[in-house]
C-alpha cells in the first residue's frame, strides 16, 4: 500500500539515519516487506540477493568492457569497495529478522570467481549470462524469471502504471509547499535538495 509505506517514511529515516533519496526508496520497500513478515509469519531469517551484481559484474557499465581482462580489472576494483548492508541490518533488526546475504558468502564468491573471466563476462548484452546458463534446465527457477532483464529493485517493485518512484515523488510534493521549497538554499545551504522529494526527506531527517 503506497499510502501506508509513505506514512512509514519518518520511521525509516529514523532507523537508517540518512536522508539520501536512493537509500530511503530502497529502505521503504524493505521496511514494508519486513513489517508484513513480522505481522503475518514466524520467519526470523530472510535471504537477500544483495551483492550478486557486484560479484557477477552485472551492472550496466560492465557491458561496455571490451575484453575479459578489462571486465576482470573493473570487477576486482569494485569488489574492494564496501557493499552497503547497514540499511538491511538496521531495518531487519527492528523487526527481529536476521537478513543474510548468501551471494556474499566467501564460499560462493571464491567458487564463482574461480571460473575464468572469459566465462563470466556478459554475453549477447545479457548480464549474469554465465550464471543463467548454469541454472538453465535445472528446474530450480522458471525460464521467464531466469532470463528476464535485470532491473533495479526499486524499479521492479511496482507496475508501470503505478510506478513506485513516481508515486513517492507525488506524495512528497504534496507535503512540501512552494514557499518552503523556494527557500531551500537558505534552509539547507549544504547538500541543498534538488527536488521536493529530497526536500521532504531532508526536512523529516532534521526533525528526527
C-alpha atoms as a PDB file:
ATOM      1  CA  UNK A   1       0.000   0.000   0.000  1.00  0.00           C
ATOM      2  CA  UNK A   2       1.815   3.192  -1.151  1.00  0.00           C
ATOM      3  CA  UNK A   3      -0.069   5.360   1.352  1.00  0.00           C
ATOM      4  CA  UNK A   4       0.945   3.159   4.274  1.00  0.00           C
ATOM      5  CA  UNK A   5       4.521   2.968   3.017  1.00  0.00           C
ATOM      6  CA  UNK A   6       4.650   6.752   2.799  1.00  0.00           C
ATOM      7  CA  UNK A   7       3.450   7.035   6.381  1.00  0.00           C
ATOM      8  CA  UNK A   8       6.468   4.932   7.349  1.00  0.00           C
ATOM      9  CA  UNK A   9       8.945   7.481   5.968  1.00  0.00           C
ATOM     10  CA  UNK A  10       9.710   9.117   9.352  1.00  0.00           C
ATOM     11  CA  UNK A  11      10.386   5.748  10.979  1.00  0.00           C
ATOM     12  CA  UNK A  12      12.552   4.591   8.084  1.00  0.00           C
ATOM     13  CA  UNK A  13      14.614   7.774   8.233  1.00  0.00           C
ATOM     14  CA  UNK A  14      14.966   7.357  11.992  1.00  0.00           C
ATOM     15  CA  UNK A  15      16.227   3.778  11.585  1.00  0.00           C
ATOM     16  CA  UNK A  16      18.536   4.356   8.628  1.00  0.00           C
ATOM     17  CA  UNK A  17      19.843   7.726   9.851  1.00  0.00           C
ATOM     18  CA  UNK A  18      20.041   9.147   6.337  1.00  0.00           C
ATOM     19  CA  UNK A  19      18.214  11.496   4.001  1.00  0.00           C
ATOM     20  CA  UNK A  20      19.754  10.010   0.863  1.00  0.00           C
ATOM     21  CA  UNK A  21      16.949   9.593  -1.661  1.00  0.00           C
ATOM     22  CA  UNK A  22      18.060   6.312  -3.231  1.00  0.00           C
ATOM     23  CA  UNK A  23      18.640   4.747   0.189  1.00  0.00           C
ATOM     24  CA  UNK A  24      15.231   5.792   1.501  1.00  0.00           C
ATOM     25  CA  UNK A  25      13.402   4.484  -1.566  1.00  0.00           C
ATOM     26  CA  UNK A  26      15.029   1.101  -1.096  1.00  0.00           C
ATOM     27  CA  UNK A  27      14.646   1.152   2.674  1.00  0.00           C
ATOM     28  CA  UNK A  28      10.909   1.859   2.435  1.00  0.00           C
ATOM     29  CA  UNK A  29      10.396  -1.279   0.361  1.00  0.00           C
ATOM     30  CA  UNK A  30      12.487  -3.353   2.743  1.00  0.00           C
ATOM     31  CA  UNK A  31      10.624  -1.913   5.727  1.00  0.00           C
ATOM     32  CA  UNK A  32       7.269  -2.847   4.165  1.00  0.00           C
ATOM     33  CA  UNK A  33       8.441  -6.399   3.471  1.00  0.00           C
ATOM     34  CA  UNK A  34       9.846  -6.906   6.961  1.00  0.00           C
ATOM     35  CA  UNK A  35       6.739  -5.411   8.558  1.00  0.00           C
ATOM     36  CA  UNK A  36       4.499  -7.766   6.578  1.00  0.00           C
ATOM     37  CA  UNK A  37       6.632 -10.762   7.552  1.00  0.00           C
ATOM     38  CA  UNK A  38       6.596  -9.687  11.183  1.00  0.00           C
ATOM     39  CA  UNK A  39       2.800  -9.373  11.185  1.00  0.00           C
ATOM     40  CA  UNK A  40       1.907 -12.492   9.213  1.00  0.00           C
ATOM     41  CA  UNK A  41       4.735 -15.019   9.512  1.00  0.00           C
ATOM     42  CA  UNK A  42       7.061 -16.592  12.026  1.00  0.00           C
ATOM     43  CA  UNK A  43      10.116 -16.041   9.832  1.00  0.00           C
ATOM     44  CA  UNK A  44      13.202 -14.792  11.604  1.00  0.00           C
ATOM     45  CA  UNK A  45      15.783 -15.268   8.827  1.00  0.00           C
ATOM     46  CA  UNK A  46      15.474 -13.668   5.386  1.00  0.00           C
ATOM     47  CA  UNK A  47      17.767 -14.355   2.421  1.00  0.00           C
ATOM     48  CA  UNK A  48      18.707 -11.297   0.378  1.00  0.00           C
ATOM     49  CA  UNK A  49      20.154 -11.184  -3.134  1.00  0.00           C
ATOM     50  CA  UNK A  50      22.228  -8.092  -2.436  1.00  0.00           C
ATOM     51  CA  UNK A  51      25.818  -8.459  -3.577  1.00  0.00           C
ATOM     52  CA  UNK A  52      25.299 -10.682  -6.599  1.00  0.00           C
ATOM     53  CA  UNK A  53      25.508  -7.751  -9.017  1.00  0.00           C
ATOM     54  CA  UNK A  54      28.896  -6.856  -7.552  1.00  0.00           C
ATOM     55  CA  UNK A  55      30.225 -10.422  -7.590  1.00  0.00           C
ATOM     56  CA  UNK A  56      28.863 -11.316 -11.030  1.00  0.00           C
ATOM     57  CA  UNK A  57      29.614  -7.946 -12.604  1.00  0.00           C
ATOM     58  CA  UNK A  58      26.080  -7.354 -13.799  1.00  0.00           C
ATOM     59  CA  UNK A  59      25.748  -3.571 -13.538  1.00  0.00           C
ATOM     60  CA  UNK A  60      25.192  -1.898 -16.878  1.00  0.00           C
ATOM     61  CA  UNK A  61      28.704  -0.448 -17.179  1.00  0.00           C
ATOM     62  CA  UNK A  62      30.215  -3.951 -17.284  1.00  0.00           C
ATOM     63  CA  UNK A  63      28.589  -4.464 -20.670  1.00  0.00           C
ATOM     64  CA  UNK A  64      30.958  -1.811 -22.005  1.00  0.00           C
ATOM     65  CA  UNK A  65      34.024  -3.919 -21.228  1.00  0.00           C
ATOM     66  CA  UNK A  66      35.923  -4.512 -24.466  1.00  0.00           C
ATOM     67  CA  UNK A  67      37.525  -7.742 -23.291  1.00  0.00           C
ATOM     68  CA  UNK A  68      37.614 -10.205 -20.400  1.00  0.00           C
ATOM     69  CA  UNK A  69      40.717  -8.580 -18.894  1.00  0.00           C
ATOM     70  CA  UNK A  70      39.013  -5.182 -18.740  1.00  0.00           C
ATOM     71  CA  UNK A  71      35.920  -6.789 -17.222  1.00  0.00           C
ATOM     72  CA  UNK A  72      38.021  -8.539 -14.582  1.00  0.00           C
ATOM     73  CA  UNK A  73      40.075  -5.485 -13.617  1.00  0.00           C
ATOM     74  CA  UNK A  74      36.931  -3.387 -13.204  1.00  0.00           C
ATOM     75  CA  UNK A  75      35.299  -6.140 -11.160  1.00  0.00           C
ATOM     76  CA  UNK A  76      38.291  -6.504  -8.838  1.00  0.00           C
ATOM     77  CA  UNK A  77      38.410  -2.750  -8.299  1.00  0.00           C
ATOM     78  CA  UNK A  78      34.716  -2.563  -7.430  1.00  0.00           C
ATOM     79  CA  UNK A  79      34.839  -5.572  -5.118  1.00  0.00           C
ATOM     80  CA  UNK A  80      37.326  -3.703  -2.943  1.00  0.00           C
ATOM     81  CA  UNK A  81      34.641  -1.118  -2.211  1.00  0.00           C
ATOM     82  CA  UNK A  82      32.292  -1.793   0.717  1.00  0.00           C
ATOM     83  CA  UNK A  83      28.879  -3.166  -0.195  1.00  0.00           C
ATOM     84  CA  UNK A  84      26.356  -1.301   1.934  1.00  0.00           C
ATOM     85  CA  UNK A  85      24.421  -3.674   4.159  1.00  0.00           C
ATOM     86  CA  UNK A  86      23.745  -1.316   7.042  1.00  0.00           C
ATOM     87  CA  UNK A  87      20.218  -0.481   5.891  1.00  0.00           C
ATOM     88  CA  UNK A  88      19.290  -4.168   5.787  1.00  0.00           C
ATOM     89  CA  UNK A  89      20.791  -4.795   9.214  1.00  0.00           C
ATOM     90  CA  UNK A  90      19.069  -1.819  10.842  1.00  0.00           C
ATOM     91  CA  UNK A  91      15.604  -2.487   9.444  1.00  0.00           C
ATOM     92  CA  UNK A  92      15.816  -6.245   9.849  1.00  0.00           C
ATOM     93  CA  UNK A  93      16.888  -5.870  13.480  1.00  0.00           C
ATOM     94  CA  UNK A  94      13.954  -3.552  14.180  1.00  0.00           C
ATOM     95  CA  UNK A  95      11.567  -6.382  13.282  1.00  0.00           C
ATOM     96  CA  UNK A  96      13.658  -9.151  14.824  1.00  0.00           C
ATOM     97  CA  UNK A  97      14.636 -10.533  11.413  1.00  0.00           C
ATOM     98  CA  UNK A  98      18.167 -11.561  10.538  1.00  0.00           C
ATOM     99  CA  UNK A  99      18.916 -10.725   6.910  1.00  0.00           C
ATOM    100  CA  UNK A 100      21.657 -12.841   5.380  1.00  0.00           C
ATOM    101  CA  UNK A 101      23.487 -12.427   2.083  1.00  0.00           C
ATOM    102  CA  UNK A 102      24.273 -15.830   0.557  1.00  0.00           C
ATOM    103  CA  UNK A 103      25.877 -14.347  -2.562  1.00  0.00           C
ATOM    104  CA  UNK A 104      28.447 -12.596  -0.376  1.00  0.00           C
ATOM    105  CA  UNK A 105      29.367 -15.803   1.429  1.00  0.00           C
ATOM    106  CA  UNK A 106      33.105 -16.409   0.902  1.00  0.00           C
ATOM    107  CA  UNK A 107      32.419 -19.983  -0.224  1.00  0.00           C
ATOM    108  CA  UNK A 108      30.169 -18.767  -3.030  1.00  0.00           C
ATOM    109  CA  UNK A 109      32.269 -15.792  -4.093  1.00  0.00           C
ATOM    110  CA  UNK A 110      35.538 -17.726  -4.143  1.00  0.00           C
ATOM    111  CA  UNK A 111      33.974 -20.559  -6.146  1.00  0.00           C
ATOM    112  CA  UNK A 112      32.224 -18.244  -8.623  1.00  0.00           C
ATOM    113  CA  UNK A 113      35.308 -16.106  -9.156  1.00  0.00           C
ATOM    114  CA  UNK A 114      37.462 -19.199  -9.683  1.00  0.00           C
ATOM    115  CA  UNK A 115      35.954 -19.526 -13.160  1.00  0.00           C
ATOM    116  CA  UNK A 116      37.744 -17.613 -15.885  1.00  0.00           C
ATOM    117  CA  UNK A 117      36.753 -14.048 -16.675  1.00  0.00           C
ATOM    118  CA  UNK A 118      36.131 -15.246 -20.235  1.00  0.00           C
ATOM    119  CA  UNK A 119      33.283 -17.358 -18.854  1.00  0.00           C
ATOM    120  CA  UNK A 120      31.891 -14.684 -16.535  1.00  0.00           C
ATOM    121  CA  UNK A 121      31.872 -11.650 -18.852  1.00  0.00           C
ATOM    122  CA  UNK A 122      28.376 -10.562 -20.029  1.00  0.00           C
ATOM    123  CA  UNK A 123      27.444 -12.027 -23.408  1.00  0.00           C
ATOM    124  CA  UNK A 124      24.865 -11.018 -26.018  1.00  0.00           C
ATOM    125  CA  UNK A 125      24.070  -7.983 -23.883  1.00  0.00           C
ATOM    126  CA  UNK A 126      22.882 -10.239 -21.059  1.00  0.00           C
ATOM    127  CA  UNK A 127      24.255  -9.667 -17.570  1.00  0.00           C
ATOM    128  CA  UNK A 128      24.975 -12.727 -15.368  1.00  0.00           C
ATOM    129  CA  UNK A 129      24.955 -14.768 -18.571  1.00  0.00           C
ATOM    130  CA  UNK A 130      27.291 -17.413 -17.139  1.00  0.00           C
ATOM    131  CA  UNK A 131      25.186 -17.901 -14.014  1.00  0.00           C
ATOM    132  CA  UNK A 132      21.969 -18.025 -16.018  1.00  0.00           C
ATOM    133  CA  UNK A 133      23.383 -20.729 -18.288  1.00  0.00           C
ATOM    134  CA  UNK A 134      24.455 -22.751 -15.257  1.00  0.00           C
ATOM    135  CA  UNK A 135      20.891 -22.669 -13.926  1.00  0.00           C
ATOM    136  CA  UNK A 136      19.174 -23.240 -17.255  1.00  0.00           C
ATOM    137  CA  UNK A 137      17.170 -26.512 -17.448  1.00  0.00           C
ATOM    138  CA  UNK A 138      17.843 -27.108 -13.753  1.00  0.00           C
ATOM    139  CA  UNK A 139      14.174 -26.789 -12.670  1.00  0.00           C
ATOM    140  CA  UNK A 140      15.381 -24.537  -9.850  1.00  0.00           C
ATOM    141  CA  UNK A 141      13.908 -21.399 -11.399  1.00  0.00           C
ATOM    142  CA  UNK A 142      11.440 -20.816 -14.222  1.00  0.00           C
ATOM    143  CA  UNK A 143      12.850 -19.618 -17.535  1.00  0.00           C
ATOM    144  CA  UNK A 144      10.789 -16.429 -17.655  1.00  0.00           C
ATOM    145  CA  UNK A 145      12.418 -15.301 -14.412  1.00  0.00           C
ATOM    146  CA  UNK A 146      15.844 -16.774 -15.148  1.00  0.00           C
ATOM    147  CA  UNK A 147      16.244 -14.854 -18.411  1.00  0.00           C
ATOM    148  CA  UNK A 148      14.409 -11.630 -17.630  1.00  0.00           C
ATOM    149  CA  UNK A 149      16.303  -8.368 -17.936  1.00  0.00           C
ATOM    150  CA  UNK A 150      17.958  -7.061 -14.792  1.00  0.00           C
ATOM    151  CA  UNK A 151      16.199  -4.156 -13.116  1.00  0.00           C
ATOM    152  CA  UNK A 152      16.950  -2.202 -10.013  1.00  0.00           C
ATOM    153  CA  UNK A 153      14.919  -3.460  -7.069  1.00  0.00           C
ATOM    154  CA  UNK A 154      13.193  -0.122  -6.616  1.00  0.00           C
ATOM    155  CA  UNK A 155      12.182  -0.048 -10.289  1.00  0.00           C
ATOM    156  CA  UNK A 156      10.912  -3.622 -10.405  1.00  0.00           C
ATOM    157  CA  UNK A 157       8.868  -3.449  -7.198  1.00  0.00           C
ATOM    158  CA  UNK A 158       5.821  -1.894  -8.856  1.00  0.00           C
ATOM    159  CA  UNK A 159       3.823  -1.932 -12.047  1.00  0.00           C
ATOM    160  CA  UNK A 160       4.458   0.623 -14.774  1.00  0.00           C
ATOM    161  CA  UNK A 161       1.086   2.284 -14.262  1.00  0.00           C
ATOM    162  CA  UNK A 162       1.737   2.683 -10.511  1.00  0.00           C
ATOM    163  CA  UNK A 163       5.476   3.259 -10.587  1.00  0.00           C
ATOM    164  CA  UNK A 164       6.862   3.349  -7.039  1.00  0.00           C
ATOM    165  CA  UNK A 165       9.282   6.219  -7.575  1.00  0.00           C
ATOM    166  CA  UNK A 166       6.691   8.414  -9.308  1.00  0.00           C
ATOM    167  CA  UNK A 167       4.218   7.676  -6.520  1.00  0.00           C
ATOM    168  CA  UNK A 168       6.724   8.708  -3.881  1.00  0.00           C
ATOM    169  CA  UNK A 169       7.543  11.893  -5.765  1.00  0.00           C
ATOM    170  CA  UNK A 170       3.868  12.880  -5.979  1.00  0.00           C
ATOM    171  CA  UNK A 171       3.284  12.216  -2.281  1.00  0.00           C
ATOM    172  CA  UNK A 172       6.356  14.176  -1.243  1.00  0.00           C
ATOM    173  CA  UNK A 173       5.372  17.103  -3.453  1.00  0.00           C
ATOM    174  CA  UNK A 174       2.050  17.368  -1.631  1.00  0.00           C
ATOM    175  CA  UNK A 175       3.886  17.704   1.691  1.00  0.00           C
ATOM    176  CA  UNK A 176       6.225  20.489   0.562  1.00  0.00           C
ATOM    177  CA  UNK A 177       4.836  23.963  -0.010  1.00  0.00           C
ATOM    178  CA  UNK A 178       6.105  26.121  -2.867  1.00  0.00           C
ATOM    179  CA  UNK A 179       7.159  28.745  -0.366  1.00  0.00           C
ATOM    180  CA  UNK A 180       9.304  26.319   1.625  1.00  0.00           C
ATOM    181  CA  UNK A 181      10.835  24.823  -1.481  1.00  0.00           C
ATOM    182  CA  UNK A 182      11.769  28.237  -2.861  1.00  0.00           C
ATOM    183  CA  UNK A 183      13.760  28.839   0.326  1.00  0.00           C
ATOM    184  CA  UNK A 184      15.652  25.540   0.051  1.00  0.00           C
ATOM    185  CA  UNK A 185      19.104  27.176  -0.378  1.00  0.00           C
ATOM    186  CA  UNK A 186      18.502  29.338   2.664  1.00  0.00           C
ATOM    187  CA  UNK A 187      17.146  26.466   4.746  1.00  0.00           C
ATOM    188  CA  UNK A 188      19.730  23.895   3.661  1.00  0.00           C
ATOM    189  CA  UNK A 189      22.823  25.660   2.293  1.00  0.00           C
ATOM    190  CA  UNK A 190      24.782  22.396   2.473  1.00  0.00           C
ATOM    191  CA  UNK A 191      23.597  19.452   0.368  1.00  0.00           C
ATOM    192  CA  UNK A 192      20.691  21.561  -0.859  1.00  0.00           C
ATOM    193  CA  UNK A 193      17.745  19.401  -2.013  1.00  0.00           C
ATOM    194  CA  UNK A 194      17.161  19.381  -5.761  1.00  0.00           C
ATOM    195  CA  UNK A 195      13.556  18.125  -5.716  1.00  0.00           C
ATOM    196  CA  UNK A 196      10.517  18.227  -3.412  1.00  0.00           C
ATOM    197  CA  UNK A 197      11.134  14.550  -2.652  1.00  0.00           C
ATOM    198  CA  UNK A 198      14.668  15.288  -1.457  1.00  0.00           C
ATOM    199  CA  UNK A 199      13.400  18.295   0.475  1.00  0.00           C
ATOM    200  CA  UNK A 200      10.802  16.225   2.303  1.00  0.00           C
ATOM    201  CA  UNK A 201      13.321  13.567   3.305  1.00  0.00           C
ATOM    202  CA  UNK A 202      15.789  16.212   4.472  1.00  0.00           C
ATOM    203  CA  UNK A 203      13.126  18.067   6.435  1.00  0.00           C
ATOM    204  CA  UNK A 204      11.991  14.833   8.085  1.00  0.00           C
ATOM    205  CA  UNK A 205      15.587  13.878   8.862  1.00  0.00           C
ATOM    206  CA  UNK A 206      16.357  17.216  10.505  1.00  0.00           C
ATOM    207  CA  UNK A 207      13.246  16.945  12.697  1.00  0.00           C
ATOM    208  CA  UNK A 208      14.013  13.378  13.842  1.00  0.00           C
END
